[in-house]
Amino acid sequence: EVQLVESGGGLVQTGGSLRLSCAASGFTFDDYAIGWFRQAPGKERALISCFSRGDGGTYYADSVKGRFAISSENAKNTMYLQMNSLKPEDTGIYYCAAGGRAYGCAGSGISGYRYRGQGTQVTVSS
């Protein structure tokens, strides 16, 4: 059974940092894309960042460029999202996803990924 388990969410003040982790079991990242999505209150789930292993391309939404960083440790089968300089508008449920297409990950919604986590809440207070 494939599982993606997220951790690291919580409550943080504006300007603070959090690092989200997503540990995979029953699946290895290999040549697929990995991604992080966010669902803000009252909004649709949206792509925040992704990494395409096929072409090495990395995507960040404009709202998080320069503040967030996606990474992974294949040896641990874990992916991360480092979030710095957090703002109240970063509040939402964050989902990790894996098994996306190897090239051009930015063109896929979460349905384009084979697996996704259960979500972790991030709340940024003003």
Foldseek 3Di string as FASTA:
>chain_A
DKAWAKDWADEAAAQAKIKMKIAIDPDAQPQKKKFKWWDAVPGDIDTAWMAQNQVRDIDGDPVQPPFWDWDADRVRSMIMIIGGRDDQRRWGWMKMFGQAHRPDRNVDDRVRGPDMHPTDTHGYHD
